[in-house]
Amino acid sequence: MAYVIAEPCIGVKDTACVAVCPVDCIHPTKDEPEFANSEMLYIDPQECIDCGACVGECPVEAIFAEEDLPEKWDAFKDQNTAYYKK
């Protein structure tokens, strides 16, 4: 997994990151049924190309390279992966 969305996204779900992702690996988007019920956005670890375009677009600084993810949010690695195993 190249990038992980962490706790600051919860309840915010700003989709600026979705708009700049060149491979559309951030979901759910506003036009997907899951958007209303999801508490945050998630990055597909299989689709992410490690470009970093999303990082600077996030207004709440919730996106981290996996190796830079603060330890207190380590569980978000598994949450991002689990979202795509549904």
N, C-alpha and C. Protein backbone atom coordinates (compact mmCIF):
# COMPACT_ATOMS: atom_id res chain seq x y z
N MET A 1 0.84 -1.18 0.00
CA MET A 1 0.00 0.00 0.00
C MET A 1 0.89 1.24 0.00
N ALA A 2 0.65 2.10 -0.91
CA ALA A 2 1.46 3.30 -1.03
C ALA A 2 0.99 4.42 -0.09
N TYR A 3 -0.29 4.73 -0.12
CA TYR A 3 -0.84 5.80 0.70
C TYR A 3 -2.02 5.29 1.52
N VAL A 4 -2.22 5.93 2.67
CA VAL A 4 -3.27 5.54 3.60
C VAL A 4 -4.03 6.80 4.03
N ILE A 5 -5.35 6.69 4.07
CA ILE A 5 -6.17 7.77 4.61
C ILE A 5 -6.44 7.43 6.07
N ALA A 6 -6.25 8.41 6.95
CA ALA A 6 -6.33 8.17 8.39
C ALA A 6 -7.46 8.98 9.04
N GLU A 7 -7.46 8.98 10.35
CA GLU A 7 -8.53 9.52 11.18
C GLU A 7 -9.03 10.93 10.82
N PRO A 8 -8.18 11.87 10.43
CA PRO A 8 -8.72 13.21 10.15
C PRO A 8 -9.80 13.25 9.07
N CYS A 9 -9.90 12.20 8.25
CA CYS A 9 -10.92 12.15 7.20
C CYS A 9 -12.30 11.80 7.76
N ILE A 10 -12.35 11.17 8.91
CA ILE A 10 -13.62 10.72 9.47
C ILE A 10 -14.57 11.91 9.64
N GLY A 11 -15.73 11.76 9.03
CA GLY A 11 -16.75 12.80 9.11
C GLY A 11 -16.56 13.95 8.15
N VAL A 12 -15.41 14.04 7.50
CA VAL A 12 -15.13 15.14 6.58
C VAL A 12 -15.42 14.72 5.14
N LYS A 13 -14.79 13.65 4.70
CA LYS A 13 -14.97 13.09 3.36
C LYS A 13 -14.87 14.15 2.26
N ASP A 14 -13.96 15.07 2.38
CA ASP A 14 -13.72 16.03 1.32
C ASP A 14 -13.18 15.24 0.13
N THR A 15 -13.72 15.46 -1.04
CA THR A 15 -13.33 14.64 -2.18
C THR A 15 -12.32 15.31 -3.12
N ALA A 16 -11.60 16.29 -2.63
CA ALA A 16 -10.57 16.92 -3.46
C ALA A 16 -9.53 15.89 -3.89
N CYS A 17 -9.24 14.94 -3.02
CA CYS A 17 -8.27 13.89 -3.35
C CYS A 17 -8.77 13.01 -4.49
N VAL A 18 -10.07 12.75 -4.51
CA VAL A 18 -10.67 11.92 -5.55
C VAL A 18 -10.48 12.60 -6.91
N ALA A 19 -10.69 13.90 -6.94
CA ALA A 19 -10.61 14.65 -8.20
C ALA A 19 -9.22 14.63 -8.83
N VAL A 20 -8.17 14.54 -8.02
CA VAL A 20 -6.81 14.59 -8.58
C VAL A 20 -6.17 13.23 -8.77
N CYS A 21 -6.81 12.18 -8.32
CA CYS A 21 -6.22 10.83 -8.44
C CYS A 21 -6.25 10.38 -9.90
N PRO A 22 -5.08 10.13 -10.49
CA PRO A 22 -5.04 9.75 -11.91
C PRO A 22 -5.53 8.32 -12.18
N VAL A 23 -5.65 7.49 -11.16
CA VAL A 23 -6.09 6.11 -11.37
C VAL A 23 -7.41 5.80 -10.67
N ASP A 24 -8.09 6.81 -10.16
CA ASP A 24 -9.39 6.64 -9.51
C ASP A 24 -9.39 5.54 -8.45
N CYS A 25 -8.43 5.61 -7.55
CA CYS A 25 -8.33 4.56 -6.53
C CYS A 25 -8.85 4.98 -5.16
N ILE A 26 -9.51 6.14 -5.07
CA ILE A 26 -10.04 6.61 -3.79
C ILE A 26 -11.56 6.54 -3.84
N HIS A 27 -12.12 5.83 -2.86
CA HIS A 27 -13.56 5.60 -2.83
C HIS A 27 -14.07 5.64 -1.40
N PRO A 28 -15.35 5.75 -1.17
CA PRO A 28 -16.39 5.92 -2.17
C PRO A 28 -16.43 7.37 -2.67
N THR A 29 -16.83 7.53 -3.91
CA THR A 29 -16.99 8.87 -4.47
C THR A 29 -18.41 9.33 -4.18
N LYS A 30 -18.67 10.61 -4.38
CA LYS A 30 -19.99 11.16 -4.07
C LYS A 30 -21.12 10.51 -4.86
N ASP A 31 -20.81 9.96 -6.03
CA ASP A 31 -21.85 9.34 -6.85
C ASP A 31 -22.02 7.85 -6.58
N GLU A 32 -21.31 7.30 -5.62
CA GLU A 32 -21.46 5.90 -5.26
C GLU A 32 -22.41 5.77 -4.07
N PRO A 33 -23.25 4.74 -4.06
CA PRO A 33 -24.23 4.58 -2.98
C PRO A 33 -23.61 4.52 -1.59
N GLU A 34 -22.41 3.97 -1.47
CA GLU A 34 -21.76 3.82 -0.16
C GLU A 34 -21.32 5.14 0.46
N PHE A 35 -21.27 6.21 -0.35
CA PHE A 35 -20.75 7.49 0.15
C PHE A 35 -21.51 7.97 1.38
N ALA A 36 -22.82 7.92 1.33
CA ALA A 36 -23.64 8.43 2.44
C ALA A 36 -23.40 7.67 3.74
N ASN A 37 -23.13 6.39 3.65
CA ASN A 37 -22.97 5.57 4.85
C ASN A 37 -21.53 5.38 5.29
N SER A 38 -20.60 5.79 4.49
CA SER A 38 -19.18 5.64 4.84
C SER A 38 -18.73 6.81 5.70
N GLU A 39 -17.96 6.51 6.74
CA GLU A 39 -17.51 7.60 7.61
C GLU A 39 -16.29 8.32 7.07
N MET A 40 -15.60 7.70 6.07
CA MET A 40 -14.40 8.32 5.51
C MET A 40 -14.15 7.75 4.12
N LEU A 41 -13.09 8.22 3.48
CA LEU A 41 -12.68 7.71 2.17
C LEU A 41 -11.54 6.73 2.36
N TYR A 42 -11.30 5.90 1.34
CA TYR A 42 -10.29 4.86 1.41
C TYR A 42 -9.50 4.78 0.11
N ILE A 43 -8.23 4.44 0.21
CA ILE A 43 -7.37 4.28 -0.96
C ILE A 43 -7.19 2.79 -1.23
N ASP A 44 -7.46 2.38 -2.46
CA ASP A 44 -7.28 0.98 -2.86
C ASP A 44 -5.79 0.68 -2.96
N PRO A 45 -5.27 -0.19 -2.10
CA PRO A 45 -3.83 -0.46 -2.10
C PRO A 45 -3.34 -1.17 -3.36
N GLN A 46 -4.25 -1.83 -4.06
CA GLN A 46 -3.87 -2.52 -5.30
C GLN A 46 -3.82 -1.59 -6.50
N GLU A 47 -4.58 -0.50 -6.44
CA GLU A 47 -4.67 0.42 -7.57
C GLU A 47 -3.78 1.65 -7.43
N CYS A 48 -3.44 2.03 -6.22
CA CYS A 48 -2.63 3.23 -5.98
C CYS A 48 -1.28 3.09 -6.66
N ILE A 49 -0.87 4.14 -7.38
CA ILE A 49 0.42 4.11 -8.08
C ILE A 49 1.50 4.92 -7.37
N ASP A 50 1.23 5.31 -6.14
CA ASP A 50 2.23 6.00 -5.33
C ASP A 50 2.66 7.34 -5.91
N CYS A 51 1.72 8.06 -6.54
CA CYS A 51 2.08 9.34 -7.16
C CYS A 51 2.08 10.50 -6.17
N GLY A 52 1.28 10.39 -5.09
CA GLY A 52 1.23 11.43 -4.08
C GLY A 52 0.36 12.63 -4.41
N ALA A 53 -0.33 12.61 -5.54
CA ALA A 53 -1.16 13.75 -5.93
C ALA A 53 -2.23 14.07 -4.89
N CYS A 54 -2.73 13.08 -4.21
CA CYS A 54 -3.82 13.27 -3.25
C CYS A 54 -3.37 13.96 -1.96
N VAL A 55 -2.12 13.78 -1.59
CA VAL A 55 -1.63 14.27 -0.30
C VAL A 55 -1.82 15.77 -0.14
N GLY A 56 -1.38 16.54 -1.09
CA GLY A 56 -1.47 17.99 -1.01
C GLY A 56 -2.87 18.54 -1.15
N GLU A 57 -3.78 17.74 -1.69
CA GLU A 57 -5.16 18.17 -1.90
C GLU A 57 -6.04 18.00 -0.67
N CYS A 58 -5.61 17.17 0.26
CA CYS A 58 -6.44 16.89 1.43
C CYS A 58 -6.44 18.08 2.39
N PRO A 59 -7.60 18.70 2.62
CA PRO A 59 -7.66 19.88 3.48
C PRO A 59 -7.46 19.58 4.97
N VAL A 60 -7.59 18.30 5.35
CA VAL A 60 -7.43 17.95 6.77
C VAL A 60 -6.17 17.13 7.02
N GLU A 61 -5.31 17.04 6.01
CA GLU A 61 -4.02 16.34 6.12
C GLU A 61 -4.20 14.92 6.66
N ALA A 62 -5.10 14.17 6.01
CA ALA A 62 -5.42 12.81 6.44
C ALA A 62 -4.70 11.73 5.63
N ILE A 63 -3.97 12.12 4.58
CA ILE A 63 -3.35 11.13 3.70
C ILE A 63 -1.85 11.09 3.92
N PHE A 64 -1.36 9.87 4.13
CA PHE A 64 0.06 9.66 4.44
C PHE A 64 0.63 8.53 3.60
N ALA A 65 1.90 8.67 3.23
CA ALA A 65 2.60 7.52 2.69
C ALA A 65 2.63 6.50 3.82
N GLU A 66 2.51 5.23 3.48
CA GLU A 66 2.42 4.20 4.52
C GLU A 66 3.56 4.31 5.52
N GLU A 67 4.75 4.55 5.05
CA GLU A 67 5.90 4.63 5.97
C GLU A 67 5.91 5.89 6.83
N ASP A 68 5.10 6.88 6.47
CA ASP A 68 5.02 8.12 7.24
C ASP A 68 3.77 8.21 8.12
N LEU A 69 2.94 7.18 8.08
CA LEU A 69 1.71 7.18 8.86
C LEU A 69 2.05 7.20 10.35
N PRO A 70 1.51 8.18 11.09
CA PRO A 70 1.77 8.21 12.54
C PRO A 70 1.35 6.90 13.20
N GLU A 71 2.14 6.44 14.12
CA GLU A 71 1.89 5.16 14.78
C GLU A 71 0.49 5.08 15.40
N LYS A 72 0.01 6.22 15.92
CA LYS A 72 -1.32 6.21 16.56
C LYS A 72 -2.44 5.88 15.57
N TRP A 73 -2.17 6.01 14.27
CA TRP A 73 -3.17 5.72 13.25
C TRP A 73 -2.81 4.47 12.44
N ASP A 74 -1.96 3.64 12.97
CA ASP A 74 -1.50 2.44 12.28
C ASP A 74 -2.65 1.52 11.86
N ALA A 75 -3.71 1.48 12.63
CA ALA A 75 -4.86 0.62 12.31
C ALA A 75 -5.54 1.01 11.00
N PHE A 76 -5.32 2.23 10.54
CA PHE A 76 -5.95 2.67 9.30
C PHE A 76 -5.37 1.97 8.08
N LYS A 77 -4.18 1.40 8.18
CA LYS A 77 -3.64 0.59 7.08
C LYS A 77 -4.59 -0.57 6.81
N ASP A 78 -4.96 -1.27 7.87
CA ASP A 78 -5.86 -2.41 7.73
C ASP A 78 -7.26 -1.98 7.33
N GLN A 79 -7.72 -0.85 7.82
CA GLN A 79 -9.06 -0.37 7.46
C GLN A 79 -9.14 -0.05 5.98
N ASN A 80 -8.10 0.59 5.43
CA ASN A 80 -8.08 0.90 4.00
C ASN A 80 -8.10 -0.38 3.18
N THR A 81 -7.31 -1.36 3.57
CA THR A 81 -7.26 -2.63 2.86
C THR A 81 -8.58 -3.37 2.98
N ALA A 82 -9.15 -3.41 4.16
CA ALA A 82 -10.40 -4.13 4.40
C ALA A 82 -11.56 -3.56 3.59
N TYR A 83 -11.58 -2.27 3.38
CA TYR A 83 -12.67 -1.65 2.62
C TYR A 83 -12.78 -2.28 1.23
N TYR A 84 -11.66 -2.61 0.64
CA TYR A 84 -11.63 -3.15 -0.72
C TYR A 84 -11.77 -4.67 -0.78
N LYS A 85 -11.88 -5.30 0.35
CA LYS A 85 -12.09 -6.75 0.38
C LYS A 85 -13.56 -7.11 0.54
N LYS A 86 -14.42 -6.13 0.49
CA LYS A 86 -15.87 -6.39 0.65
C LYS A 86 -16.39 -7.21 -0.50
